[in-house]
Amino acid sequence: MAYLAPVLIPFLIAFGAALTLTPVCGWAAKALGVVDRPSRIKIHAQPTPLLGGVAIALAQVGASVSSGTADSASVRILTAAGLIMLLGFWDDLAPQSEALRWWLRLVYEACLAGIVVAGGVRTTFLGSPWLDIPVTLLWIVGITNAFNLLDNMNGLSAGVAAIGGLTFTLLAARYVEVGPEQLPTAVAAAALCGACLGFLPSNLRSRIFMGDAGSLFVGFTLACLGVQGSWRSPTVPTSVIIPLLVLAYPLFDTTLVVILRLRRGISPFLGGRDHSSHRLVRLGLGKVETVLLIYLFACSHALTALLVSSVTFRLSLLALAGSLSVLFIFGMVLRKAPVYGATISAEGSTHGQEDG
């Protein structure tokens, strides 16, 4: 376990910073009027401060930079992640605004992903830049929005992000000898994990939300870390499976919503209470039980990713098939939940804290 020593200090710094900064950001959000107000697609009854994502971002960036391990690629990731927070701020300040349409948001996100790709952070398993670059852009934009959509219940997005960050930390630190990018990846992932955990106590008590700025930052950073690290296992194809498993639940939730909405002729870009978390509540689970169950799914896939890093390609495929089978069955159960009707609002944005 000695390989974890370089990431322990960044983790603790980020955790302490987020724990301290989150109440400060909550106070600032109240003073500035940056609050999430109740609506028919939200359950919380009181205006709740946003800007929790600022605490997460400051803690994560501060811990990563102070470690002295950030390389040029890591600096690009942090810069682009900071810029994507501006889009989140826009939505937090004017959640009903349609001045920036969904396709313009995707273009903006793709441009920021392009900044990261230009710094050399991209997949290589397809063997051609003409294929690897589009796949990397799609991955980063997709995961960014997946976490944005997952931010619909207290503790959900931050908790899943913490699990993903911890898994990337363990994998990158374990294989730090593989390449020079492994240590910066491990440190950044540990810092993100610590920042999310430091934010959770206030978020779980409904004192503050991370807001769109926070969920976009977290999703973008994790997506980039999934590409930056060299998840070398017995085969290169196996290493491709690892990020998919680590971030399986956000991908599952987004896929479920998109497919079921398209089947009903509903736009996937509207806000609503038809995500997997909402469906579990409609099926009878409490909100705390729902969040813990989703944590369990995220942990199980994270453990599978750790297993995949040490086995052959055939065993990796079996593990992936098992995980996909479980999620498929879970999705078939969730689709029966009665969530449609008045739960989709044309006033909703493409994302957001839909449920306190």
Protein backbone atom coordinates (compact mmCIF):
# COMPACT_ATOMS: atom_id res chain seq x y z
CA MET A 1 0.00 0.00 0.00
CA ALA A 2 3.03 2.29 -0.04
CA TYR A 3 2.06 3.44 -3.53
CA LEU A 4 -0.88 5.33 -1.99
CA ALA A 5 1.37 7.64 0.06
CA PRO A 6 1.79 10.33 -2.67
CA VAL A 7 -1.99 10.71 -3.04
CA LEU A 8 -2.93 10.77 0.65
CA ILE A 9 -1.89 14.38 1.29
CA PRO A 10 -3.74 15.82 -1.77
CA PHE A 11 -6.82 13.85 -0.69
CA LEU A 12 -6.71 15.25 2.84
CA ILE A 13 -6.03 18.80 1.65
CA ALA A 14 -8.96 18.68 -0.77
CA PHE A 15 -11.25 17.14 1.85
CA GLY A 16 -10.41 19.75 4.46
CA ALA A 17 -10.65 22.62 1.99
CA ALA A 18 -14.05 21.52 0.67
CA LEU A 19 -15.34 20.93 4.19
CA THR A 20 -14.35 24.49 5.09
CA LEU A 21 -15.27 26.24 1.85
CA THR A 22 -18.69 24.69 1.32
CA PRO A 23 -20.44 26.66 4.12
CA VAL A 24 -18.66 29.82 2.92
CA CYS A 25 -19.93 29.27 -0.62
CA GLY A 26 -23.40 28.63 0.76
CA TRP A 27 -23.34 31.95 2.58
CA ALA A 28 -22.07 33.72 -0.55
CA ALA A 29 -24.80 32.10 -2.69
CA LYS A 30 -27.49 33.38 -0.31
CA ALA A 31 -25.98 36.86 -0.31
CA LEU A 32 -25.83 36.93 -4.13
CA GLY A 33 -29.23 35.33 -4.60
CA VAL A 34 -27.79 32.29 -6.39
CA VAL A 35 -30.29 29.79 -5.07
CA ASP A 36 -32.25 26.87 -6.46
CA ARG A 37 -35.92 27.71 -6.10
CA PRO A 38 -38.70 25.13 -5.77
CA SER A 39 -40.68 24.25 -8.89
CA ARG A 40 -43.01 21.54 -10.11
CA ILE A 41 -40.09 19.37 -11.25
CA LYS A 42 -38.30 19.73 -7.90
CA ILE A 43 -39.14 18.29 -4.51
CA HIS A 44 -37.29 20.63 -2.15
CA ALA A 45 -39.65 23.18 -0.61
CA GLN A 46 -37.19 25.92 0.34
CA PRO A 47 -34.77 27.96 -1.80
CA THR A 48 -31.40 26.27 -1.45
CA PRO A 49 -27.99 27.89 -2.09
CA LEU A 50 -26.03 26.77 -5.10
CA LEU A 51 -22.28 27.33 -5.67
CA GLY A 52 -21.30 24.16 -3.82
CA GLY A 53 -19.43 23.28 -7.00
CA VAL A 54 -17.17 26.27 -6.43
CA ALA A 55 -16.01 24.72 -3.16
CA ILE A 56 -15.37 21.41 -4.91
CA ALA A 57 -13.45 23.06 -7.75
CA LEU A 58 -11.31 25.27 -5.51
CA ALA A 59 -10.47 22.34 -3.23
CA GLN A 60 -9.63 20.01 -6.11
CA VAL A 61 -7.54 22.55 -8.03
CA GLY A 62 -5.75 23.76 -4.91
CA ALA A 63 -4.81 20.25 -3.80
CA SER A 64 -3.68 19.23 -7.30
CA VAL A 65 -1.53 22.31 -7.86
CA SER A 66 -0.01 22.30 -4.36
CA SER A 67 1.15 18.72 -4.86
CA GLY A 68 3.59 19.86 -7.54
CA THR A 69 2.78 16.88 -9.77
CA ALA A 70 0.54 18.61 -12.32
CA ASP A 71 1.92 18.30 -15.85
CA SER A 72 0.89 20.34 -18.91
CA ALA A 73 -1.97 17.96 -19.71
CA SER A 74 -3.29 18.24 -16.17
CA VAL A 75 -3.14 22.03 -16.37
CA ARG A 76 -5.17 21.92 -19.58
CA ILE A 77 -7.76 19.70 -17.91
CA LEU A 78 -8.08 22.02 -14.92
CA THR A 79 -8.29 25.08 -17.17
CA ALA A 80 -10.96 23.57 -19.40
CA ALA A 81 -12.88 22.31 -16.35
CA GLY A 82 -12.79 25.82 -14.92
CA LEU A 83 -14.12 27.23 -18.18
CA ILE A 84 -16.96 24.73 -18.30
CA MET A 85 -18.02 26.00 -14.89
CA LEU A 86 -18.92 29.27 -16.63
CA LEU A 87 -21.61 27.43 -18.55
CA GLY A 88 -22.87 26.02 -15.27
CA PHE A 89 -22.89 29.48 -13.69
CA TRP A 90 -24.99 30.71 -16.59
CA ASP A 91 -27.58 28.04 -15.90
CA ASP A 92 -27.44 28.52 -12.13
CA LEU A 93 -28.07 32.24 -12.48
CA ALA A 94 -30.78 31.93 -15.16
CA PRO A 95 -32.12 28.35 -15.12
CA GLN A 96 -35.10 29.18 -17.35
CA SER A 97 -33.09 31.08 -19.94
CA GLU A 98 -33.08 29.70 -23.48
CA ALA A 99 -30.51 32.19 -24.72
CA LEU A 100 -28.01 29.37 -25.09
CA ARG A 101 -29.69 26.43 -26.79
CA TRP A 102 -28.77 22.84 -26.15
CA TRP A 103 -26.75 22.40 -29.32
CA LEU A 104 -24.69 25.51 -28.55
CA ARG A 105 -23.96 24.06 -25.12
CA LEU A 106 -22.71 20.86 -26.72
CA VAL A 107 -20.53 22.83 -29.14
CA TYR A 108 -19.04 24.80 -26.24
CA GLU A 109 -18.35 21.60 -24.31
CA ALA A 110 -16.80 19.98 -27.38
CA CYS A 111 -14.49 22.97 -27.85
CA LEU A 112 -13.29 22.70 -24.26
CA ALA A 113 -12.79 18.96 -24.75
CA GLY A 114 -10.77 19.89 -27.83
CA ILE A 115 -8.42 21.95 -25.63
CA VAL A 116 -7.71 18.83 -23.61
CA VAL A 117 -7.31 16.62 -26.68
CA ALA A 118 -4.89 19.14 -28.19
CA GLY A 119 -2.70 18.60 -25.13
CA GLY A 120 -2.36 14.90 -25.93
CA VAL A 121 -5.12 13.54 -23.71
CA ARG A 122 -6.99 11.15 -26.01
CA THR A 123 -7.65 7.50 -26.55
CA THR A 124 -5.24 5.49 -28.68
CA PHE A 125 -6.86 2.05 -28.86
CA LEU A 126 -8.33 2.60 -32.33
CA GLY A 127 -4.89 3.29 -33.79
CA SER A 128 -5.85 6.35 -35.84
CA PRO A 129 -6.20 10.00 -34.75
CA TRP A 130 -9.14 10.35 -37.15
CA LEU A 131 -11.01 7.79 -35.04
CA ASP A 132 -9.53 8.32 -31.58
CA ILE A 133 -10.11 12.08 -31.45
CA PRO A 134 -13.87 11.96 -32.20
CA VAL A 135 -14.29 9.09 -29.72
CA THR A 136 -12.47 11.10 -27.03
CA LEU A 137 -14.58 14.19 -27.69
CA LEU A 138 -17.77 12.13 -27.53
CA TRP A 139 -16.63 10.48 -24.28
CA ILE A 140 -15.79 13.76 -22.54
CA VAL A 141 -18.98 15.54 -23.61
CA GLY A 142 -21.09 12.48 -22.81
CA ILE A 143 -19.71 11.93 -19.30
CA THR A 144 -19.88 15.65 -18.53
CA ASN A 145 -23.58 15.75 -19.27
CA ALA A 146 -24.19 12.38 -17.62
CA PHE A 147 -23.02 13.76 -14.27
CA ASN A 148 -24.99 16.93 -14.90
CA LEU A 149 -28.14 14.83 -15.35
CA LEU A 150 -27.27 12.65 -12.35
CA ASP A 151 -27.28 15.69 -10.07
CA ASN A 152 -30.95 15.28 -9.13
CA MET A 153 -30.90 14.11 -5.50
CA ASN A 154 -28.89 15.12 -2.45
CA GLY A 155 -25.51 13.42 -2.34
CA LEU A 156 -26.01 11.47 -5.54
CA SER A 157 -23.72 13.07 -8.11
CA ALA A 158 -21.01 13.99 -5.58
CA GLY A 159 -21.04 10.51 -4.02
CA VAL A 160 -20.80 8.70 -7.35
CA ALA A 161 -18.03 11.10 -8.38
CA ALA A 162 -16.14 10.36 -5.15
CA ILE A 163 -16.36 6.62 -5.85
CA GLY A 164 -15.12 7.17 -9.40
CA GLY A 165 -12.30 9.41 -8.23
CA LEU A 166 -11.19 6.89 -5.61
CA THR A 167 -11.17 4.08 -8.16
CA PHE A 168 -9.08 6.07 -10.64
CA THR A 169 -6.74 6.97 -7.77
CA LEU A 170 -6.15 3.33 -6.82
CA LEU A 171 -5.63 2.25 -10.41
CA ALA A 172 -3.32 5.11 -11.41
CA ALA A 173 -1.27 4.93 -8.21
CA ARG A 174 -0.93 1.17 -8.58
CA TYR A 175 0.48 1.48 -12.09
CA VAL A 176 2.45 4.70 -11.63
CA GLU A 177 5.47 3.07 -13.29
CA VAL A 178 3.53 2.67 -16.56
CA GLY A 179 3.94 6.29 -17.64
CA PRO A 180 4.60 9.84 -16.44
CA GLU A 181 0.88 10.71 -16.65
CA GLN A 182 -0.09 8.19 -13.99
CA LEU A 183 1.01 10.19 -10.94
CA PRO A 184 -0.74 13.44 -12.03
CA THR A 185 -3.85 11.37 -12.77
CA ALA A 186 -3.71 9.69 -9.36
CA VAL A 187 -3.22 13.00 -7.53
CA ALA A 188 -5.99 14.80 -9.42
CA ALA A 189 -8.39 11.89 -8.89
CA ALA A 190 -7.56 11.73 -5.17
CA ALA A 191 -8.08 15.48 -4.85
CA LEU A 192 -11.45 15.27 -6.62
CA CYS A 193 -12.50 12.39 -4.38
CA GLY A 194 -11.53 14.34 -1.26
CA ALA A 195 -13.28 17.48 -2.49
CA CYS A 196 -16.52 15.62 -3.19
CA LEU A 197 -16.43 13.90 0.21
CA GLY A 198 -15.82 17.24 1.93
CA PHE A 199 -18.86 18.69 0.14
CA LEU A 200 -21.18 15.78 0.98
CA PRO A 201 -21.99 16.55 4.66
CA SER A 202 -23.57 19.90 3.80
CA ASN A 203 -25.23 18.55 0.65
CA LEU A 204 -26.78 15.56 2.40
CA ARG A 205 -28.38 17.91 4.90
CA SER A 206 -29.85 20.03 2.05
CA ARG A 207 -27.83 23.06 3.08
CA ILE A 208 -26.32 23.57 -0.37
CA PHE A 209 -26.35 22.10 -3.88
CA MET A 210 -23.35 21.82 -6.17
CA GLY A 211 -25.34 23.43 -8.96
CA ASP A 212 -24.78 23.00 -12.66
CA ALA A 213 -21.37 24.61 -12.29
CA GLY A 214 -20.31 21.85 -9.93
CA SER A 215 -21.81 18.90 -11.77
CA LEU A 216 -20.30 20.01 -15.08
CA PHE A 217 -16.90 20.51 -13.44
CA VAL A 218 -16.99 17.12 -11.75
CA GLY A 219 -18.18 15.27 -14.85
CA PHE A 220 -15.68 16.96 -17.16
CA THR A 221 -12.77 16.29 -14.80
CA LEU A 222 -13.63 12.61 -14.33
CA ALA A 223 -14.10 12.12 -18.07
CA CYS A 224 -10.67 13.59 -18.75
CA LEU A 225 -9.02 11.54 -15.99
CA GLY A 226 -10.55 8.42 -17.52
CA VAL A 227 -8.71 9.22 -20.75
CA GLN A 228 -5.52 10.63 -19.24
CA GLY A 229 -4.61 7.56 -17.23
CA SER A 230 -2.94 4.52 -18.77
CA TRP A 231 -5.08 1.69 -17.49
CA ARG A 232 -2.59 -0.96 -18.59
CA SER A 233 -3.81 -4.43 -17.93
CA PRO A 234 -2.92 -7.64 -19.77
CA THR A 235 -4.27 -6.18 -23.02
CA VAL A 236 -5.00 -2.73 -24.42
CA PRO A 237 -8.68 -3.57 -25.10
CA THR A 238 -9.02 -4.50 -21.45
CA SER A 239 -7.78 -1.08 -20.42
CA VAL A 240 -10.57 0.49 -22.48
CA ILE A 241 -13.15 -1.36 -20.42
CA ILE A 242 -11.90 0.10 -17.12
CA PRO A 243 -13.17 3.71 -17.54
CA LEU A 244 -16.49 2.36 -18.84
CA LEU A 245 -16.92 0.32 -15.66
CA VAL A 246 -15.78 3.09 -13.31
CA LEU A 247 -18.34 5.50 -14.76
CA ALA A 248 -20.96 2.90 -15.64
CA TYR A 249 -23.79 4.25 -13.51
CA PRO A 250 -23.88 7.82 -14.91
CA LEU A 251 -23.81 6.30 -18.40
CA PHE A 252 -26.62 3.91 -17.47
CA ASP A 253 -28.81 6.66 -16.01
CA THR A 254 -28.41 8.91 -19.05
CA THR A 255 -28.99 6.06 -21.50
CA LEU A 256 -32.11 4.96 -19.65
CA VAL A 257 -33.62 8.45 -19.67
CA VAL A 258 -32.79 9.12 -23.32
CA ILE A 259 -34.18 5.79 -24.58
CA LEU A 260 -37.40 5.93 -22.56
CA ARG A 261 -38.04 9.56 -23.44
CA LEU A 262 -37.46 9.01 -27.15
CA ARG A 263 -39.88 6.10 -27.08
CA ARG A 264 -42.52 8.50 -25.76
CA GLY A 265 -41.59 11.31 -28.13
CA ILE A 266 -40.22 13.49 -25.32
CA SER A 267 -37.08 15.58 -25.76
CA PRO A 268 -34.05 14.28 -23.80
CA PHE A 269 -32.95 17.88 -23.25
CA LEU A 270 -35.80 18.87 -20.93
CA GLY A 271 -35.67 18.78 -17.16
CA GLY A 272 -37.78 16.16 -15.44
CA ARG A 273 -38.18 13.68 -12.61
CA ASP A 274 -37.80 10.48 -14.61
CA HIS A 275 -34.20 9.53 -13.83
CA SER A 276 -33.27 6.25 -12.18
CA SER A 277 -33.24 7.89 -8.74
CA HIS A 278 -36.74 9.29 -9.21
CA ARG A 279 -37.97 5.93 -10.47
CA LEU A 280 -36.64 4.16 -7.39
CA VAL A 281 -38.48 6.62 -5.16
CA ARG A 282 -41.68 6.06 -7.14
CA LEU A 283 -41.22 2.32 -6.64
CA GLY A 284 -41.26 2.80 -2.88
CA LEU A 285 -37.70 3.50 -1.73
CA GLY A 286 -36.85 6.48 0.44
CA LYS A 287 -34.45 9.09 -0.90
CA VAL A 288 -31.66 8.00 1.44
CA GLU A 289 -32.20 4.35 0.48
CA THR A 290 -32.17 5.33 -3.19
CA VAL A 291 -28.85 7.16 -2.92
CA LEU A 292 -27.27 4.31 -0.94
CA LEU A 293 -28.47 1.75 -3.49
CA ILE A 294 -26.96 3.74 -6.34
CA TYR A 295 -23.73 4.04 -4.34
CA LEU A 296 -23.78 0.24 -4.10
CA PHE A 297 -24.13 -0.09 -7.87
CA ALA A 298 -21.28 2.38 -8.40
CA CYS A 299 -19.06 0.53 -5.90
CA SER A 300 -19.77 -2.85 -7.48
CA HIS A 301 -18.75 -1.57 -10.90
CA ALA A 302 -15.68 0.10 -9.40
CA LEU A 303 -14.63 -3.20 -7.83
CA THR A 304 -15.19 -4.91 -11.18
CA ALA A 305 -12.90 -2.33 -12.80
CA LEU A 306 -10.20 -3.09 -10.22
CA LEU A 307 -10.62 -6.79 -11.00
CA VAL A 308 -10.45 -6.20 -14.74
CA SER A 309 -7.09 -4.44 -14.34
CA SER A 310 -5.52 -7.76 -13.29
CA VAL A 311 -7.13 -10.36 -15.53
CA THR A 312 -7.07 -11.45 -19.14
CA PHE A 313 -9.15 -9.99 -21.94
CA ARG A 314 -11.61 -12.89 -21.98
CA LEU A 315 -12.25 -12.61 -18.26
CA SER A 316 -12.64 -8.86 -18.68
CA LEU A 317 -15.32 -9.41 -21.29
CA LEU A 318 -17.12 -11.79 -18.94
CA ALA A 319 -16.99 -9.18 -16.17
CA LEU A 320 -18.26 -6.49 -18.50
CA ALA A 321 -21.05 -8.75 -19.77
CA GLY A 322 -22.07 -9.48 -16.18
CA SER A 323 -22.19 -5.80 -15.31
CA LEU A 324 -24.19 -4.95 -18.42
CA SER A 325 -26.63 -7.77 -17.70
CA VAL A 326 -27.26 -6.49 -14.18
CA LEU A 327 -27.83 -2.94 -15.43
CA PHE A 328 -30.11 -4.18 -18.22
CA ILE A 329 -32.30 -6.08 -15.76
CA PHE A 330 -32.28 -3.07 -13.43
CA GLY A 331 -33.36 -0.85 -16.31
CA MET A 332 -36.20 -3.20 -17.24
CA VAL A 333 -37.49 -2.92 -13.67
CA LEU A 334 -37.10 0.86 -13.53
CA ARG A 335 -38.96 1.46 -16.78
CA LYS A 336 -42.15 0.28 -15.06
CA ALA A 337 -42.07 3.15 -12.57
CA PRO A 338 -44.94 5.65 -13.10
CA VAL A 339 -42.94 8.83 -13.60
CA TYR A 340 -44.41 10.43 -16.69
CA GLY A 341 -47.36 12.73 -16.99
CA ALA A 342 -46.74 16.02 -15.30
CA THR A 343 -43.11 15.27 -14.50
CA ILE A 344 -41.60 16.58 -17.73
CA SER A 345 -41.51 20.33 -17.97
CA ALA A 346 -40.86 22.32 -21.11
CA GLU A 347 -39.39 24.94 -18.83
CA GLY A 348 -36.68 22.58 -17.61
CA SER A 349 -33.11 22.93 -18.74
CA THR A 350 -30.92 20.14 -20.04
CA HIS A 351 -29.80 19.25 -16.57
CA GLY A 352 -29.70 20.47 -13.04
CA GLN A 353 -30.53 19.82 -9.43
CA GLU A 354 -34.06 18.68 -10.09
CA ASP A 355 -34.65 17.24 -6.67
CA GLY A 356 -33.41 18.36 -3.31
